Amino acid sequence: MSIDQAVINRIWCETLLEELVRFGVQDVCVAPGSRSTPLTLEAQTHPQLRLHTHFDERGLGFLALGLAKASDQPVAVIVTSGTAVANLLPAIAESGLTGEKLVLLTADRPQELVGCGANQAIEQPGIYSSHVTAALNLPSPTLNTSLNWLLSSVDQVMHQQAGSEGAVHINCPFPEPLYSQGDKRDYQAYCASVSSWRVSQQPYTQQHRYLPESVAVSDLPQRKGVVVVGKLTAAQAEKAAQFAHQLGWPILCDPQSGISSAWAHYDLWLQNDKFAAKISECDTIVQFGARIVSKRLNHWIRHQVTNTTCSYLYVSPSAQRNNQDHLPQQQFVCQIDDWIDTQLAQCHPLNAAHAGWADELHSTSEALSSLAQLHLSGEHSLSEIALALDIAERSRFRQLFLGNSLFVRLVDMFATLDGSQVWTNRGASGIDGLVATAAGVQRATRSPQLMFIGDTSLLYDLNSLALLTHNPTPQVMVVTNNDGGAIFDLLPVPAAQKRELYQMPHGYQFEFAAKQFGLNYHRAQTLADYRQAVEQHFASGEGTLLIEVQTLPDQASAQIKQFVQQVHAL
């Protein structure tokens, strides 16, 4: 019997995808391509896989990132060979820093067609370098290589991912023909070696991991501590707040935590020497979660640990280093809930020697809130600060996605949040792929979403608006259009070149982009108009509304400078 290569390709892909399902893969993101046909057809056939498609591989990678971010499960990505593979790199770089588990299935030309002038053939093995946790370069499917080898090899990289984080790359070279009407049943003898695996529900090889018990820090009740909360789930953030409350310590909450505290607006009041001196009395910093937005808070942590005897404890289930200033740090690699429960079991509130030691800063936070509310009530035109001040009310009962632009800094400075689930891409903090990531998050959660994105960021990911054309869940995407990169107003870039080389004003608006992709559109004129548009759309029940808020390029930076002057006067 002659060998039907297309059928052998399909048998390998069927085996590979079934094993990925047993490792938790439920979603597969697919871009069009011919060389990836065996993977694509088998993914569509598998009853336990949900397929998501996009014509743009860069956006597809970020769609997968969003799905993995919100589902906390590995998500597979299938692309054809050539530059399609290279276009996944931005999303992979982000996942390498923030830990989402992607499984990259890149179709490839057989090795004999690489480096000899064949079409759409590039060197794909190793293309993602250190940005992936593990990589496997498969041989071309052949009856001379057993399915047992295929399964154990796939398991090796998947176990590495399960024990760490980030993406794994499985490169899949497929010889032609890619299309056939042949029958897999003609190859039962070849498949017999894994017949017991096929009838089971378990991975071919299994690993058992035992996590060490959380280490109790016995003297925490005697310390004068500060809790810092970074990027966490809503449940973890509430647990961290409970920990701080029981010890009577102040808690400084990054907007990615979805919560606020009585010590809110620290990015502002740390600029006042009197208030900074008070919080600097602490002798212990306990941080839950990574990726702090505020540079000022990061600088304070560095100064406190470097120039005093302050201890720095970091708790995370990830073994990745989160210590950008290379400070002396105690890192606890365990589940945050488990660590907190261990501490709380021995920290009776009555034994907390310094409970309430920084409560006097409550009045500072309240004063800043009052100043901010005066700005809001006196603002006739719609501003980005007004949006930040209003965000707690608008995001109530809705998930929040914050892009990487000036606006996330304003949220950090001015907003208060009350248990919102907040999603971000704050690993590499790129402005690419934000629309696609938000789309992936919403597909995984199926929850109403309020998203904020800058104008340059939206221009960068305009293709991914196609992912929202048939969005069944209500979403409001707010684009703050200040005509370019207004974030550079807060950075010491050369003044003479700021506009041309940094801000890069474009003069574009987004009404017809929304129409191009079948989205609803509204240009907000006042804060009241904006609020009404948001609430009406969420009440309507489905689809995406793009709300454009146009502001002057230097408006927010001028308002911040004025506000900081008032902070110094407190």
Foldseek 3Di string as FASTA:
>chain_A
DDDAQQLLLLVLLLLLVLLLVQLPEQEEEEEDDQLQLSNVVSQVVDPRHDYHYANQLLLSLLLQVLQQVQQVGEYEYEYEAACSLVSNQVSLLLFLQVFREYEYEYEAAAPVQAPPPDPRHYPDVCPNPPSAQEEAEDHERDLVDAVLVSQVRSVVRSVSCVVAGGYYYYYYYYYDDNDDPDDNVVCCVRVVVCVVVVPDSHRPDDDDDDDDAFDEDQCQLAFQEEEEEDQDFLVLLVLSVVLCQLLQHHYQYAVNNQAHDLLALCLQLCLAVVLVVQNLVGQEYEYEDAQHPRPSVVVSVVCSQVVHNHAYEYEELHPDDRCVPPGDYHYTNDHSNSNSVSHVVNRGSVSRPCRNSSVVSSVVSVVLLVVLVVCLVPDWWDDLLVCLQCVQVLCVQAAEEEAQAVSSVSVRRHHGGHSHNYDYSSRVRDLENSLSSVLSNCVNVVTEYEYEHEPVSCVRHLSSLLSQLFWFFEYEYEYEYQQFHLVCLVPPDDPVCCDPPPRPGDPDDCPVSCVVNNAAEEEATGPVSVVVVSVVRNVVGGGYYYYYYYDHSCVVVVVVVVSSVVSNVD
